[in-house]
Amino acid sequence: MAALVRREPWIHTWTDEDGIQRQAKIHYTRDDREVVWDPRWIGDEEPWFDSATETWRYEDAELVTLGDPNAPGFGLVAPDEEYDEENS
């Protein structure tokens, strides 16, 4: 397994087709995927959406960029960790 990498959330800014500037906070999962907060309904257990796949969803516990940045293990991901696609 590769060395662990520390990740921090970041802000993505863009201008939509109507000229309105938008922002989204990008977070990282344990397997180093970029996700955004996009719940499907109130109380959604997997509110984090991976737009690169358009089908994979994540719960809060799978993110490494939530919580106290000073906590041990905050932001540590394994970029080469294999993900079981059947459980997505």
PDB file of N, CA and C in Angstrom:
ATOM      1  N   MET A   1       0.840  -1.171   0.000  1.00  0.00           N
ATOM      2  CA  MET A   1       0.000   0.000   0.000  1.00  0.00           C
ATOM      3  C   MET A   1       0.896   1.248   0.000  1.00  0.00           C
ATOM      4  N   ALA A   2       0.470   2.259  -0.700  1.00  0.00           N
ATOM      5  CA  ALA A   2       1.237   3.493  -0.817  1.00  0.00           C
ATOM      6  C   ALA A   2       1.222   4.269   0.500  1.00  0.00           C
ATOM      7  N   ALA A   3       2.129   5.215   0.582  1.00  0.00           N
ATOM      8  CA  ALA A   3       2.181   6.069   1.763  1.00  0.00           C
ATOM      9  C   ALA A   3       0.896   6.877   1.880  1.00  0.00           C
ATOM     10  N   LEU A   4       0.527   7.188   3.114  1.00  0.00           N
ATOM     11  CA  LEU A   4      -0.678   7.974   3.340  1.00  0.00           C
ATOM     12  C   LEU A   4      -0.433   9.430   2.969  1.00  0.00           C
ATOM     13  N   VAL A   5      -1.469  10.070   2.476  1.00  0.00           N
ATOM     14  CA  VAL A   5      -1.406  11.462   2.039  1.00  0.00           C
ATOM     15  C   VAL A   5      -2.426  12.258   2.837  1.00  0.00           C
ATOM     16  N   ARG A   6      -2.061  13.468   3.256  1.00  0.00           N
ATOM     17  CA  ARG A   6      -2.999  14.332   3.988  1.00  0.00           C
ATOM     18  C   ARG A   6      -3.742  15.207   2.989  1.00  0.00           C
ATOM     19  N   ARG A   7      -5.070  15.247   3.101  1.00  0.00           N
ATOM     20  CA  ARG A   7      -5.917  16.054   2.231  1.00  0.00           C
ATOM     21  C   ARG A   7      -6.693  17.073   3.048  1.00  0.00           C
ATOM     22  N   GLU A   8      -6.942  18.207   2.481  1.00  0.00           N
ATOM     23  CA  GLU A   8      -7.759  19.250   3.090  1.00  0.00           C
ATOM     24  C   GLU A   8      -8.905  19.561   2.128  1.00  0.00           C
ATOM     25  N   PRO A   9     -10.083  19.899   2.643  1.00  0.00           N
ATOM     26  CA  PRO A   9     -11.161  20.306   1.732  1.00  0.00           C
ATOM     27  C   PRO A   9     -10.791  21.628   1.060  1.00  0.00           C
ATOM     28  N   TRP A  10     -11.365  21.867  -0.116  1.00  0.00           N
ATOM     29  CA  TRP A  10     -11.082  23.110  -0.832  1.00  0.00           C
ATOM     30  C   TRP A  10     -12.349  23.616  -1.506  1.00  0.00           C
ATOM     31  N   ILE A  11     -12.357  24.884  -1.885  1.00  0.00           N
ATOM     32  CA  ILE A  11     -13.528  25.516  -2.492  1.00  0.00           C
ATOM     33  C   ILE A  11     -13.338  25.588  -4.008  1.00  0.00           C
ATOM     34  N   HIS A  12     -14.305  25.057  -4.730  1.00  0.00           N
ATOM     35  CA  HIS A  12     -14.317  25.153  -6.200  1.00  0.00           C
ATOM     36  C   HIS A  12     -15.294  26.270  -6.575  1.00  0.00           C
ATOM     37  N   THR A  13     -14.845  27.216  -7.382  1.00  0.00           N
ATOM     38  CA  THR A  13     -15.674  28.340  -7.809  1.00  0.00           C
ATOM     39  C   THR A  13     -15.803  28.315  -9.320  1.00  0.00           C
ATOM     40  N   TRP A  14     -17.010  28.537  -9.815  1.00  0.00           N
ATOM     41  CA  TRP A  14     -17.246  28.598 -11.256  1.00  0.00           C
ATOM     42  C   TRP A  14     -18.391  29.558 -11.536  1.00  0.00           C
ATOM     43  N   THR A  15     -18.523  29.950 -12.799  1.00  0.00           N
ATOM     44  CA  THR A  15     -19.609  30.812 -13.235  1.00  0.00           C
ATOM     45  C   THR A  15     -20.530  29.979 -14.125  1.00  0.00           C
ATOM     46  N   ASP A  16     -21.820  29.930 -13.776  1.00  0.00           N
ATOM     47  CA  ASP A  16     -22.756  29.112 -14.554  1.00  0.00           C
ATOM     48  C   ASP A  16     -23.161  29.823 -15.843  1.00  0.00           C
ATOM     49  N   GLU A  17     -23.985  29.150 -16.650  1.00  0.00           N
ATOM     50  CA  GLU A  17     -24.375  29.690 -17.954  1.00  0.00           C
ATOM     51  C   GLU A  17     -25.177  30.998 -17.864  1.00  0.00           C
ATOM     52  N   ASP A  18     -25.739  31.292 -16.696  1.00  0.00           N
ATOM     53  CA  ASP A  18     -26.468  32.546 -16.495  1.00  0.00           C
ATOM     54  C   ASP A  18     -25.580  33.662 -15.949  1.00  0.00           C
ATOM     55  N   GLY A  19     -24.279  33.384 -15.819  1.00  0.00           N
ATOM     56  CA  GLY A  19     -23.353  34.391 -15.325  1.00  0.00           C
ATOM     57  C   GLY A  19     -23.308  34.506 -13.813  1.00  0.00           C
ATOM     58  N   ILE A  20     -23.925  33.552 -13.113  1.00  0.00           N
ATOM     59  CA  ILE A  20     -23.938  33.563 -11.648  1.00  0.00           C
ATOM     60  C   ILE A  20     -22.745  32.773 -11.132  1.00  0.00           C
ATOM     61  N   GLN A  21     -21.985  33.386 -10.224  1.00  0.00           N
ATOM     62  CA  GLN A  21     -20.838  32.693  -9.648  1.00  0.00           C
ATOM     63  C   GLN A  21     -21.314  31.727  -8.567  1.00  0.00           C
ATOM     64  N   ARG A  22     -20.873  30.494  -8.656  1.00  0.00           N
ATOM     65  CA  ARG A  22     -21.253  29.435  -7.717  1.00  0.00           C
ATOM     66  C   ARG A  22     -20.006  28.895  -7.014  1.00  0.00           C
ATOM     67  N   GLN A  23     -20.232  28.276  -5.851  1.00  0.00           N
ATOM     68  CA  GLN A  23     -19.139  27.641  -5.118  1.00  0.00           C
ATOM     69  C   GLN A  23     -19.613  26.314  -4.542  1.00  0.00           C
ATOM     70  N   ALA A  24     -18.677  25.390  -4.429  1.00  0.00           N
ATOM     71  CA  ALA A  24     -18.933  24.112  -3.764  1.00  0.00           C
ATOM     72  C   ALA A  24     -17.678  23.741  -2.985  1.00  0.00           C
ATOM     73  N   LYS A  25     -17.873  23.208  -1.786  1.00  0.00           N
ATOM     74  CA  LYS A  25     -16.741  22.751  -0.986  1.00  0.00           C
ATOM     75  C   LYS A  25     -16.476  21.292  -1.348  1.00  0.00           C
ATOM     76  N   ILE A  26     -15.283  21.030  -1.813  1.00  0.00           N
ATOM     77  CA  ILE A  26     -14.886  19.683  -2.237  1.00  0.00           C
ATOM     78  C   ILE A  26     -14.221  18.974  -1.066  1.00  0.00           C
ATOM     79  N   HIS A  27     -14.716  17.769  -0.773  1.00  0.00           N
ATOM     80  CA  HIS A  27     -14.139  16.938   0.288  1.00  0.00           C
ATOM     81  C   HIS A  27     -13.540  15.686  -0.331  1.00  0.00           C
ATOM     82  N   TYR A  28     -12.759  14.961   0.472  1.00  0.00           N
ATOM     83  CA  TYR A  28     -12.116  13.734   0.001  1.00  0.00           C
ATOM     84  C   TYR A  28     -12.577  12.533   0.821  1.00  0.00           C
ATOM     85  N   THR A  29     -12.694  11.402   0.134  1.00  0.00           N
ATOM     86  CA  THR A  29     -13.020  10.141   0.794  1.00  0.00           C
ATOM     87  C   THR A  29     -11.729   9.421   1.166  1.00  0.00           C
ATOM     88  N   ARG A  30     -11.878   8.362   1.936  1.00  0.00           N
ATOM     89  CA  ARG A  30     -10.737   7.557   2.372  1.00  0.00           C
ATOM     90  C   ARG A  30      -9.959   6.993   1.179  1.00  0.00           C
ATOM     91  N   ASP A  31     -10.660   6.709   0.071  1.00  0.00           N
ATOM     92  CA  ASP A  31      -9.980   6.187  -1.117  1.00  0.00           C
ATOM     93  C   ASP A  31      -9.653   7.296  -2.125  1.00  0.00           C
ATOM     94  N   ASP A  32      -9.565   8.538  -1.638  1.00  0.00           N
ATOM     95  CA  ASP A  32      -9.072   9.698  -2.380  1.00  0.00           C
ATOM     96  C   ASP A  32      -9.971  10.116  -3.546  1.00  0.00           C
ATOM     97  N   ARG A  33     -11.271  10.041  -3.352  1.00  0.00           N
ATOM     98  CA  ARG A  33     -12.214  10.542  -4.358  1.00  0.00           C
ATOM     99  C   ARG A  33     -12.723  11.904  -3.917  1.00  0.00           C
ATOM    100  N   GLU A  34     -12.936  12.805  -4.883  1.00  0.00           N
ATOM    101  CA  GLU A  34     -13.491  14.124  -4.589  1.00  0.00           C
ATOM    102  C   GLU A  34     -15.016  14.024  -4.572  1.00  0.00           C
ATOM    103  N   VAL A  35     -15.636  14.515  -3.504  1.00  0.00           N
ATOM    104  CA  VAL A  35     -17.095  14.451  -3.370  1.00  0.00           C
ATOM    105  C   VAL A  35     -17.645  15.797  -2.912  1.00  0.00           C
ATOM    106  N   VAL A  36     -18.928  16.019  -3.190  1.00  0.00           N
ATOM    107  CA  VAL A  36     -19.616  17.225  -2.743  1.00  0.00           C
ATOM    108  C   VAL A  36     -20.872  16.824  -1.981  1.00  0.00           C
ATOM    109  N   TRP A  37     -21.333  17.727  -1.122  1.00  0.00           N
ATOM    110  CA  TRP A  37     -22.560  17.524  -0.341  1.00  0.00           C
ATOM    111  C   TRP A  37     -23.740  17.651  -1.292  1.00  0.00           C
ATOM    112  N   ASP A  38     -24.487  16.586  -1.476  1.00  0.00           N
ATOM    113  CA  ASP A  38     -25.627  16.588  -2.392  1.00  0.00           C
ATOM    114  C   ASP A  38     -26.634  15.528  -1.940  1.00  0.00           C
ATOM    115  N   PRO A  39     -27.288  15.742  -0.780  1.00  0.00           N
ATOM    116  CA  PRO A  39     -28.245  14.748  -0.296  1.00  0.00           C
ATOM    117  C   PRO A  39     -29.441  14.621  -1.245  1.00  0.00           C
ATOM    118  N   ARG A  40     -29.941  13.401  -1.362  1.00  0.00           N
ATOM    119  CA  ARG A  40     -31.088  13.131  -2.235  1.00  0.00           C
ATOM    120  C   ARG A  40     -32.402  13.416  -1.532  1.00  0.00           C
ATOM    121  N   TRP A  41     -32.417  13.346  -0.200  1.00  0.00           N
ATOM    122  CA  TRP A  41     -33.608  13.598   0.604  1.00  0.00           C
ATOM    123  C   TRP A  41     -33.162  13.931   2.019  1.00  0.00           C
ATOM    124  N   ILE A  42     -34.056  14.458   2.832  1.00  0.00           N
ATOM    125  CA  ILE A  42     -33.740  14.772   4.226  1.00  0.00           C
ATOM    126  C   ILE A  42     -33.405  13.467   4.950  1.00  0.00           C
ATOM    127  N   GLY A  43     -32.289  13.448   5.650  1.00  0.00           N
ATOM    128  CA  GLY A  43     -31.863  12.261   6.382  1.00  0.00           C
ATOM    129  C   GLY A  43     -31.123  11.241   5.523  1.00  0.00           C
ATOM    130  N   ASP A  44     -30.730  11.618   4.311  1.00  0.00           N
ATOM    131  CA  ASP A  44     -29.984  10.722   3.425  1.00  0.00           C
ATOM    132  C   ASP A  44     -28.738  10.224   4.144  1.00  0.00           C
ATOM    133  N   GLU A  45     -28.559   8.906   4.224  1.00  0.00           N
ATOM    134  CA  GLU A  45     -27.400   8.330   4.916  1.00  0.00           C
ATOM    135  C   GLU A  45     -26.130   8.415   4.078  1.00  0.00           C
ATOM    136  N   GLU A  46     -26.267   8.633   2.779  1.00  0.00           N
ATOM    137  CA  GLU A  46     -25.121   8.798   1.887  1.00  0.00           C
ATOM    138  C   GLU A  46     -25.264  10.117   1.113  1.00  0.00           C
ATOM    139  N   PRO A  47     -25.061  11.245   1.805  1.00  0.00           N
ATOM    140  CA  PRO A  47     -25.305  12.540   1.167  1.00  0.00           C
ATOM    141  C   PRO A  47     -24.159  13.061   0.296  1.00  0.00           C
ATOM    142  N   TRP A  48     -23.035  12.347   0.266  1.00  0.00           N
ATOM    143  CA  TRP A  48     -21.863  12.820  -0.472  1.00  0.00           C
ATOM    144  C   TRP A  48     -21.824  12.163  -1.845  1.00  0.00           C
ATOM    145  N   PHE A  49     -21.672  12.989  -2.888  1.00  0.00           N
ATOM    146  CA  PHE A  49     -21.787  12.548  -4.274  1.00  0.00           C
ATOM    147  C   PHE A  49     -20.452  12.676  -4.998  1.00  0.00           C
ATOM    148  N   ASP A  50     -20.083  11.625  -5.718  1.00  0.00           N
ATOM    149  CA  ASP A  50     -18.871  11.609  -6.539  1.00  0.00           C
ATOM    150  C   ASP A  50     -19.286  11.862  -7.985  1.00  0.00           C
ATOM    151  N   SER A  51     -19.104  13.077  -8.477  1.00  0.00           N
ATOM    152  CA  SER A  51     -19.568  13.420  -9.821  1.00  0.00           C
ATOM    153  C   SER A  51     -18.743  12.753 -10.923  1.00  0.00           C
ATOM    154  N   ALA A  52     -17.559  12.256 -10.604  1.00  0.00           N
ATOM    155  CA  ALA A  52     -16.743  11.579 -11.610  1.00  0.00           C
ATOM    156  C   ALA A  52     -17.390  10.262 -12.038  1.00  0.00           C
ATOM    157  N   THR A  53     -18.122   9.629 -11.135  1.00  0.00           N
ATOM    158  CA  THR A  53     -18.750   8.356 -11.473  1.00  0.00           C
ATOM    159  C   THR A  53     -20.259   8.504 -11.682  1.00  0.00           C
ATOM    160  N   GLU A  54     -20.850   9.511 -11.076  1.00  0.00           N
ATOM    161  CA  GLU A  54     -22.284   9.795 -11.129  1.00  0.00           C
ATOM    162  C   GLU A  54     -23.151   8.721 -10.463  1.00  0.00           C
ATOM    163  N   THR A  55     -22.540   7.707  -9.870  1.00  0.00           N
ATOM    164  CA  THR A  55     -23.337   6.685  -9.186  1.00  0.00           C
ATOM    165  C   THR A  55     -22.845   6.402  -7.772  1.00  0.00           C
ATOM    166  N   TRP A  56     -21.594   6.685  -7.470  1.00  0.00           N
ATOM    167  CA  TRP A  56     -21.069   6.368  -6.150  1.00  0.00           C
ATOM    168  C   TRP A  56     -21.459   7.431  -5.156  1.00  0.00           C
ATOM    169  N   ARG A  57     -21.922   7.006  -3.993  1.00  0.00           N
ATOM    170  CA  ARG A  57     -22.332   7.889  -2.909  1.00  0.00           C
ATOM    171  C   ARG A  57     -21.585   7.463  -1.646  1.00  0.00           C
ATOM    172  N   TYR A  58     -21.398   8.403  -0.732  1.00  0.00           N
ATOM    173  CA  TYR A  58     -20.628   8.135   0.486  1.00  0.00           C
ATOM    174  C   TYR A  58     -21.342   8.685   1.706  1.00  0.00           C
ATOM    175  N   GLU A  59     -21.067   8.067   2.855  1.00  0.00           N
ATOM    176  CA  GLU A  59     -21.591   8.568   4.127  1.00  0.00           C
ATOM    177  C   GLU A  59     -20.494   9.369   4.822  1.00  0.00           C
ATOM    178  N   ASP A  60     -20.878  10.114   5.856  1.00  0.00           N
ATOM    179  CA  ASP A  60     -19.934  10.978   6.570  1.00  0.00           C
ATOM    180  C   ASP A  60     -18.698  10.224   7.053  1.00  0.00           C
ATOM    181  N   ALA A  61     -18.868   9.016   7.538  1.00  0.00           N
ATOM    182  CA  ALA A  61     -17.754   8.249   8.102  1.00  0.00           C
ATOM    183  C   ALA A  61     -16.683   7.913   7.067  1.00  0.00           C
ATOM    184  N   GLU A  62     -17.013   7.964   5.790  1.00  0.00           N
ATOM    185  CA  GLU A  62     -16.051   7.626   4.737  1.00  0.00           C
ATOM    186  C   GLU A  62     -15.206   8.815   4.289  1.00  0.00           C
ATOM    187  N   LEU A  63     -15.485  10.002   4.835  1.00  0.00           N
ATOM    188  CA  LEU A  63     -14.730  11.193   4.467  1.00  0.00           C
ATOM    189  C   LEU A  63     -13.591  11.423   5.443  1.00  0.00           C
ATOM    190  N   VAL A  64     -12.470  11.892   4.918  1.00  0.00           N
ATOM    191  CA  VAL A  64     -11.313  12.194   5.762  1.00  0.00           C
ATOM    192  C   VAL A  64     -11.152  13.694   5.964  1.00  0.00           C
ATOM    193  N   THR A  65     -12.053  14.484   5.416  1.00  0.00           N
ATOM    194  CA  THR A  65     -11.948  15.937   5.514  1.00  0.00           C
ATOM    195  C   THR A  65     -13.057  16.547   6.356  1.00  0.00           C
ATOM    196  N   LEU A  66     -13.748  15.749   7.142  1.00  0.00           N
ATOM    197  CA  LEU A  66     -14.755  16.249   8.076  1.00  0.00           C
ATOM    198  C   LEU A  66     -14.198  16.183   9.484  1.00  0.00           C
ATOM    199  N   GLY A  67     -14.594  17.111  10.313  1.00  0.00           N
ATOM    200  CA  GLY A  67     -14.185  17.070  11.708  1.00  0.00           C
ATOM    201  C   GLY A  67     -13.072  18.052  12.010  1.00  0.00           C
ATOM    202  N   ASP A  68     -12.394  17.829  13.106  1.00  0.00           N
ATOM    203  CA  ASP A  68     -11.344  18.709  13.596  1.00  0.00           C
ATOM    204  C   ASP A  68     -10.040  18.439  12.844  1.00  0.00           C
ATOM    205  N   PRO A  69      -9.505  19.425  12.118  1.00  0.00           N
ATOM    206  CA  PRO A  69      -8.253  19.219  11.375  1.00  0.00           C
ATOM    207  C   PRO A  69      -7.061  18.874  12.257  1.00  0.00           C
ATOM    208  N   ASN A  70      -7.165  19.137  13.568  1.00  0.00           N
ATOM    209  CA  ASN A  70      -6.059  18.818  14.470  1.00  0.00           C
ATOM    210  C   ASN A  70      -6.169  17.408  15.058  1.00  0.00           C
ATOM    211  N   ALA A  71      -7.255  16.718  14.768  1.00  0.00           N
ATOM    212  CA  ALA A  71      -7.445  15.368  15.295  1.00  0.00           C
ATOM    213  C   ALA A  71      -6.493  14.391  14.605  1.00  0.00           C
ATOM    214  N   PRO A  72      -6.024  13.386  15.341  1.00  0.00           N
ATOM    215  CA  PRO A  72      -5.137  12.387  14.716  1.00  0.00           C
ATOM    216  C   PRO A  72      -5.842  11.707  13.545  1.00  0.00           C
ATOM    217  N   GLY A  73      -5.151  11.598  12.438  1.00  0.00           N
ATOM    218  CA  GLY A  73      -5.713  10.909  11.276  1.00  0.00           C
ATOM    219  C   GLY A  73      -6.571  11.776  10.383  1.00  0.00           C
ATOM    220  N   PHE A  74      -6.834  13.023  10.777  1.00  0.00           N
ATOM    221  CA  PHE A  74      -7.650  13.884   9.927  1.00  0.00           C
ATOM    222  C   PHE A  74      -6.941  14.103   8.603  1.00  0.00           C
ATOM    223  N   GLY A  75      -7.658  13.857   7.520  1.00  0.00           N
ATOM    224  CA  GLY A  75      -7.107  14.130   6.201  1.00  0.00           C
ATOM    225  C   GLY A  75      -6.138  13.108   5.669  1.00  0.00           C
ATOM    226  N   LEU A  76      -5.976  11.975   6.330  1.00  0.00           N
ATOM    227  CA  LEU A  76      -5.056  10.963   5.826  1.00  0.00           C
ATOM    228  C   LEU A  76      -5.806   9.984   4.937  1.00  0.00           C
ATOM    229  N   VAL A  77      -5.373   9.869   3.708  1.00  0.00           N
ATOM    230  CA  VAL A  77      -6.002   8.949   2.766  1.00  0.00           C
ATOM    231  C   VAL A  77      -4.955   8.020   2.191  1.00  0.00           C
ATOM    232  N   ALA A  78      -5.409   6.895   1.678  1.00  0.00           N
ATOM    233  CA  ALA A  78      -4.541   5.954   0.993  1.00  0.00           C
ATOM    234  C   ALA A  78      -4.920   5.990  -0.491  1.00  0.00           C
ATOM    235  N   PRO A  79      -4.219   6.768  -1.310  1.00  0.00           N
ATOM    236  CA  PRO A  79      -4.638   6.956  -2.689  1.00  0.00           C
ATOM    237  C   PRO A  79      -4.652   5.690  -3.531  1.00  0.00           C
ATOM    238  N   ASP A  80      -3.886   4.690  -3.171  1.00  0.00           N
ATOM    239  CA  ASP A  80      -3.863   3.459  -3.959  1.00  0.00           C
ATOM    240  C   ASP A  80      -4.755   2.363  -3.390  1.00  0.00           C
ATOM    241  N   GLU A  81      -5.535   2.701  -2.368  1.00  0.00           N
ATOM    242  CA  GLU A  81      -6.411   1.699  -1.764  1.00  0.00           C
ATOM    243  C   GLU A  81      -7.457   1.245  -2.781  1.00  0.00           C
ATOM    244  N   GLU A  82      -7.639  -0.064  -2.879  1.00  0.00           N
ATOM    245  CA  GLU A  82      -8.614  -0.571  -3.834  1.00  0.00           C
ATOM    246  C   GLU A  82     -10.011  -0.417  -3.258  1.00  0.00           C
ATOM    247  N   TYR A  83     -10.949  -0.098  -4.124  1.00  0.00           N
ATOM    248  CA  TYR A  83     -12.341   0.088  -3.719  1.00  0.00           C
ATOM    249  C   TYR A  83     -13.180  -1.020  -4.327  1.00  0.00           C
ATOM    250  N   ASP A  84     -14.014  -1.638  -3.521  1.00  0.00           N
ATOM    251  CA  ASP A  84     -14.870  -2.717  -3.981  1.00  0.00           C
ATOM    252  C   ASP A  84     -16.045  -2.114  -4.743  1.00  0.00           C
ATOM    253  N   GLU A  85     -15.971  -2.132  -6.087  1.00  0.00           N
ATOM    254  CA  GLU A  85     -17.004  -1.497  -6.902  1.00  0.00           C
ATOM    255  C   GLU A  85     -18.365  -2.153  -6.753  1.00  0.00           C
ATOM    256  N   GLU A  86     -18.415  -3.388  -6.334  1.00  0.00           N
ATOM    257  CA  GLU A  86     -19.694  -4.067  -6.166  1.00  0.00           C
ATOM    258  C   GLU A  86     -20.473  -3.507  -4.985  1.00  0.00           C
ATOM    259  N   ASN A  87     -19.797  -2.851  -4.044  1.00  0.00           N
ATOM    260  CA  ASN A  87     -20.462  -2.287  -2.867  1.00  0.00           C
ATOM    261  C   ASN A  87     -20.769  -0.807  -3.037  1.00  0.00           C
ATOM    262  N   SER A  88     -20.700  -0.302  -4.247  1.00  0.00           N
ATOM    263  CA  SER A  88     -20.965   1.120  -4.459  1.00  0.00           C
ATOM    264  C   SER A  88     -22.453   1.382  -4.598  1.00  0.00           C
TER     265      SER A  88
END
